[in-house]
């Protein structure tokens, strides 16, 4: 006697497919969330590494400035916008690693507007022989090297020993002993603060050599006629 085999009903198949879809959707959501979290963590770590490398570069550059280098800083106004900027003049070799830039001239470290909003700290090296018109043209059309992108705000301040306070602008002349950098990364609510020390320039006093000591004048002997 042959037994009748009972198959799955349509309702049971629909229930199984629905359970499979729910399980697949849950697995996809979990994996997708894990991938996004990993990508976000990787981007944050990369951003922190770039920030630490930039701070180390600036600290080393300021510490090793030549004695004749001229330092200035503040906000450069251009086209209705302000560009927080550090200017280093007559500093051979500053920021010139593998870039083929000039060995002497002007180095500009500028917080330029970022596409999409925010700021990015960029570097440009200019030859010292440029005139004012050529310099403006180079700033507008020249190739900037991005050192630290994805910034919300950038601000420089300079400590004055004479006034015993932090200044927003520093004119060329005697370099400040301390430079403060305040910046805020995109995605962060609390700004970060870094303080750099600049070694003072020691002026060597030039003294004239003392004249050689001379003995008392000799008496002239006059022969009698």
Protein backbone atom coordinates (compact mmCIF):
# COMPACT_ATOMS: atom_id res chain seq x y z
CA UNK A 1 0.00 0.00 0.00
CA UNK A 2 1.53 3.29 -1.08
CA UNK A 3 1.52 6.17 1.46
CA UNK A 4 0.65 9.64 0.23
CA UNK A 5 3.48 12.14 0.75
CA UNK A 6 2.45 15.50 2.16
CA UNK A 7 4.26 18.61 0.76
CA UNK A 8 4.53 22.20 2.01
CA UNK A 9 1.51 24.36 1.57
CA UNK A 10 1.71 27.78 -0.03
CA UNK A 11 1.22 29.45 3.33
CA UNK A 12 4.12 27.57 4.85
CA UNK A 13 6.39 28.55 1.95
CA UNK A 14 5.43 32.21 2.36
CA UNK A 15 6.21 32.05 6.08
CA UNK A 16 9.61 30.45 5.42
CA UNK A 17 10.50 33.07 2.80
CA UNK A 18 9.41 35.88 5.13
CA UNK A 19 11.59 34.50 7.92
CA UNK A 20 14.53 34.19 5.52
CA UNK A 21 14.07 37.79 4.35
CA UNK A 22 13.95 39.04 7.94
CA UNK A 23 17.10 37.13 8.85
CA UNK A 24 18.92 38.34 5.73
CA UNK A 25 17.85 41.94 6.42
CA UNK A 26 19.06 41.75 10.02
CA UNK A 27 22.41 40.30 8.99
CA UNK A 28 22.83 42.98 6.30
CA UNK A 29 21.98 45.78 8.75
CA UNK A 30 24.46 44.43 11.31
CA UNK A 31 27.27 44.02 8.78
CA UNK A 32 26.57 47.42 7.23
CA UNK A 33 26.63 49.11 10.65
CA UNK A 34 29.91 47.38 11.49
CA UNK A 35 31.47 48.43 8.17
CA UNK A 36 30.37 52.04 8.66
CA UNK A 37 31.65 52.12 12.21
CA UNK A 38 35.00 50.72 11.06
CA UNK A 39 35.24 53.28 8.25
CA UNK A 40 34.39 56.12 10.64
CA UNK A 41 36.95 54.94 13.18
CA UNK A 42 39.58 54.58 10.46
CA UNK A 43 38.89 58.11 9.17
CA UNK A 44 39.06 59.54 12.70
CA UNK A 45 42.38 57.77 13.34
CA UNK A 46 43.74 59.06 10.02
CA UNK A 47 42.62 62.58 10.91
CA UNK A 48 44.35 62.41 14.29
CA UNK A 49 47.54 61.08 12.68
CA UNK A 50 47.52 63.97 10.18
CA UNK A 51 46.97 66.44 13.02
CA UNK A 52 49.83 65.01 15.10
CA UNK A 53 52.17 65.02 12.08
CA UNK A 54 51.26 68.64 11.30
CA UNK A 55 51.79 69.79 14.89
CA UNK A 56 55.18 68.02 15.02
CA UNK A 57 56.20 69.64 11.72
CA UNK A 58 55.25 73.15 12.87
CA UNK A 59 56.90 72.67 16.27
CA UNK A 60 60.15 71.48 14.65
CA UNK A 61 60.07 74.29 12.09
CA UNK A 62 59.54 77.04 14.67
CA UNK A 63 62.20 75.59 16.94
CA UNK A 64 64.81 75.48 14.16
CA UNK A 65 64.20 78.88 12.57
CA UNK A 66 67.42 80.59 11.45
CA UNK A 67 68.50 83.63 13.40
CA UNK A 68 67.88 85.96 10.44
CA UNK A 69 64.40 84.59 9.66
CA UNK A 70 61.57 87.10 9.87
CA UNK A 71 58.26 86.07 11.44
CA UNK A 72 54.81 87.60 11.05
CA UNK A 73 51.27 86.42 11.64
CA UNK A 74 47.66 87.45 11.74
CA UNK A 75 44.66 87.50 9.42
CA UNK A 76 45.15 88.46 5.77
CA UNK A 77 42.10 90.15 4.30
CA UNK A 78 41.35 89.27 0.70
CA UNK A 79 38.10 89.53 -1.26
CA UNK A 80 36.00 90.18 1.81
CA UNK A 81 37.30 87.09 3.60
CA UNK A 82 39.96 86.64 6.25
CA UNK A 83 42.79 84.14 6.00
CA UNK A 84 44.58 83.25 9.27
CA UNK A 85 48.20 83.11 8.20
CA UNK A 86 51.82 82.68 9.34
CA UNK A 87 54.55 84.24 7.19
CA UNK A 88 58.21 83.20 7.36
CA UNK A 89 60.72 85.17 5.32
CA UNK A 90 64.42 84.61 4.70
CA UNK A 91 64.29 81.09 6.18
CA UNK A 92 66.26 78.77 3.86
CA UNK A 93 65.02 75.19 3.76
CA UNK A 94 61.82 75.80 5.72
CA UNK A 95 59.04 73.41 4.57
CA UNK A 96 61.08 72.61 1.43
CA UNK A 97 61.27 68.84 1.79
CA UNK A 98 61.13 67.17 -1.62
CA UNK A 99 58.95 69.89 -3.11
CA UNK A 100 61.50 71.50 -5.35
CA UNK A 101 60.62 74.84 -3.79
CA UNK A 102 62.92 77.78 -3.30
CA UNK A 103 65.68 77.43 -0.75
CA UNK A 104 65.02 80.98 0.43
CA UNK A 105 62.17 83.43 0.12
CA UNK A 106 58.75 83.34 1.77
CA UNK A 107 56.80 80.45 3.29
CA UNK A 108 53.07 80.99 3.82
CA UNK A 109 51.06 78.76 6.16
CA UNK A 110 47.46 79.80 5.48
CA UNK A 111 44.03 78.62 6.63
CA UNK A 112 42.23 78.74 3.28
CA UNK A 113 38.50 78.15 2.67
CA UNK A 114 37.63 74.51 2.11
CA UNK A 115 35.31 73.34 -0.65
CA UNK A 116 32.03 72.51 1.06
CA UNK A 117 32.70 74.74 4.06
CA UNK A 118 35.32 74.98 6.75
CA UNK A 119 39.06 75.55 6.45
CA UNK A 120 42.22 73.72 5.46
CA UNK A 121 45.76 74.63 6.46
CA UNK A 122 47.84 74.86 3.29
CA UNK A 123 51.41 75.77 2.45
CA UNK A 124 52.94 77.81 -0.36
CA UNK A 125 56.58 78.67 -1.00
CA UNK A 126 57.37 81.85 -2.89
CA UNK A 127 60.72 83.06 -4.25
CA UNK A 128 62.06 86.17 -2.60
CA UNK A 129 62.45 87.95 -5.93
CA UNK A 130 58.70 88.28 -6.59
CA UNK A 131 57.16 91.74 -6.79
CA UNK A 132 53.87 92.65 -5.16
CA UNK A 133 51.80 92.03 -8.31
CA UNK A 134 53.54 88.70 -8.99
CA UNK A 135 53.04 87.72 -5.37
CA UNK A 136 49.28 88.39 -5.49
CA UNK A 137 49.01 86.43 -8.73
CA UNK A 138 50.90 83.51 -7.19
CA UNK A 139 48.60 83.51 -4.16
CA UNK A 140 45.52 83.39 -6.38
CA UNK A 141 46.69 80.89 -9.00
CA UNK A 142 49.57 79.07 -7.36
CA UNK A 143 49.52 75.45 -6.26
CA UNK A 144 48.87 75.15 -2.55
CA UNK A 145 49.98 72.05 -0.66
CA UNK A 146 47.27 70.86 1.71
CA UNK A 147 48.76 69.93 5.06
CA UNK A 148 45.69 69.66 7.27
CA UNK A 149 42.20 69.49 5.71
CA UNK A 150 38.76 69.11 7.30
CA UNK A 151 38.93 71.99 9.77
CA UNK A 152 36.05 74.06 11.06
CA UNK A 153 37.97 77.01 12.56
CA UNK A 154 41.62 78.12 12.74
CA UNK A 155 43.07 80.91 14.86
CA UNK A 156 46.66 82.02 15.62
CA UNK A 157 47.72 84.12 18.62
CA UNK A 158 51.12 85.48 19.63
CA UNK A 159 52.41 86.22 23.13
CA UNK A 160 54.06 89.57 23.78
CA UNK A 161 56.55 89.75 26.63
CA UNK A 162 56.41 93.53 26.55
CA UNK A 163 52.63 93.72 26.89
CA UNK A 164 52.28 90.47 28.88
CA UNK A 165 49.29 89.33 26.80
CA UNK A 166 48.26 87.36 23.72
CA UNK A 167 47.94 89.36 20.50
CA UNK A 168 45.85 88.61 17.41
CA UNK A 169 48.48 90.03 15.04
CA UNK A 170 52.27 90.02 15.01
CA UNK A 171 54.21 92.37 12.76
CA UNK A 172 57.64 91.53 11.40
CA UNK A 173 60.38 92.30 13.84
CA UNK A 174 61.38 90.61 17.06
CA UNK A 175 59.83 87.13 16.98
CA UNK A 176 57.32 86.15 19.67
CA UNK A 177 58.45 83.69 22.34
CA UNK A 178 55.19 81.72 22.14
CA UNK A 179 52.71 81.05 19.33
CA UNK A 180 49.27 79.59 20.03
CA UNK A 181 47.23 77.63 17.50
CA UNK A 182 43.53 77.04 18.15
CA UNK A 183 41.73 74.78 15.69
CA UNK A 184 38.57 72.75 15.56
CA UNK A 185 38.22 69.64 13.45
CA UNK A 186 35.08 68.93 11.49
CA UNK A 187 32.85 66.69 13.54
CA UNK A 188 34.26 67.88 16.88
CA UNK A 189 32.60 70.31 19.25
CA UNK A 190 35.60 71.14 21.44
CA UNK A 191 38.50 73.08 19.87
CA UNK A 192 42.09 71.93 20.29
CA UNK A 193 44.90 74.19 21.50
CA UNK A 194 48.62 73.92 20.77
CA UNK A 195 51.41 76.22 21.97
CA UNK A 196 54.76 76.44 20.18
CA UNK A 197 57.97 77.86 21.60
CA UNK A 198 60.29 79.94 19.45
CA UNK A 199 63.91 80.24 20.62
CA UNK A 200 65.02 83.83 21.11
CA UNK A 201 67.57 85.36 18.78
CA UNK A 202 70.81 86.08 20.58
CA UNK A 203 72.55 89.16 19.33
CA UNK A 204 76.31 88.89 19.43
CA UNK A 205 77.88 92.15 20.51
CA UNK A 206 80.70 93.15 18.26
CA UNK A 207 83.54 94.64 20.31
CA UNK A 208 86.53 96.34 18.82
CA UNK A 209 89.84 94.77 19.76
CA UNK A 210 91.73 96.70 22.38
CA UNK A 211 94.75 98.54 21.07
CA UNK A 212 98.05 96.91 21.77
CA UNK A 213 99.79 98.17 24.84
CA UNK A 214 102.64 100.46 24.08
CA UNK A 215 105.56 101.15 26.31
CA UNK A 216 106.61 104.61 27.42
CA UNK A 217 108.16 106.76 24.70
CA UNK A 218 111.89 106.52 24.44
CA UNK A 219 113.98 109.60 25.03
CA UNK A 220 115.81 110.72 21.96
CA UNK A 221 119.52 110.94 22.38
CA UNK A 222 120.96 114.00 20.76
CA UNK A 223 124.66 113.93 20.07
CA UNK A 224 126.55 116.97 21.16
CA UNK A 225 128.22 118.88 18.36
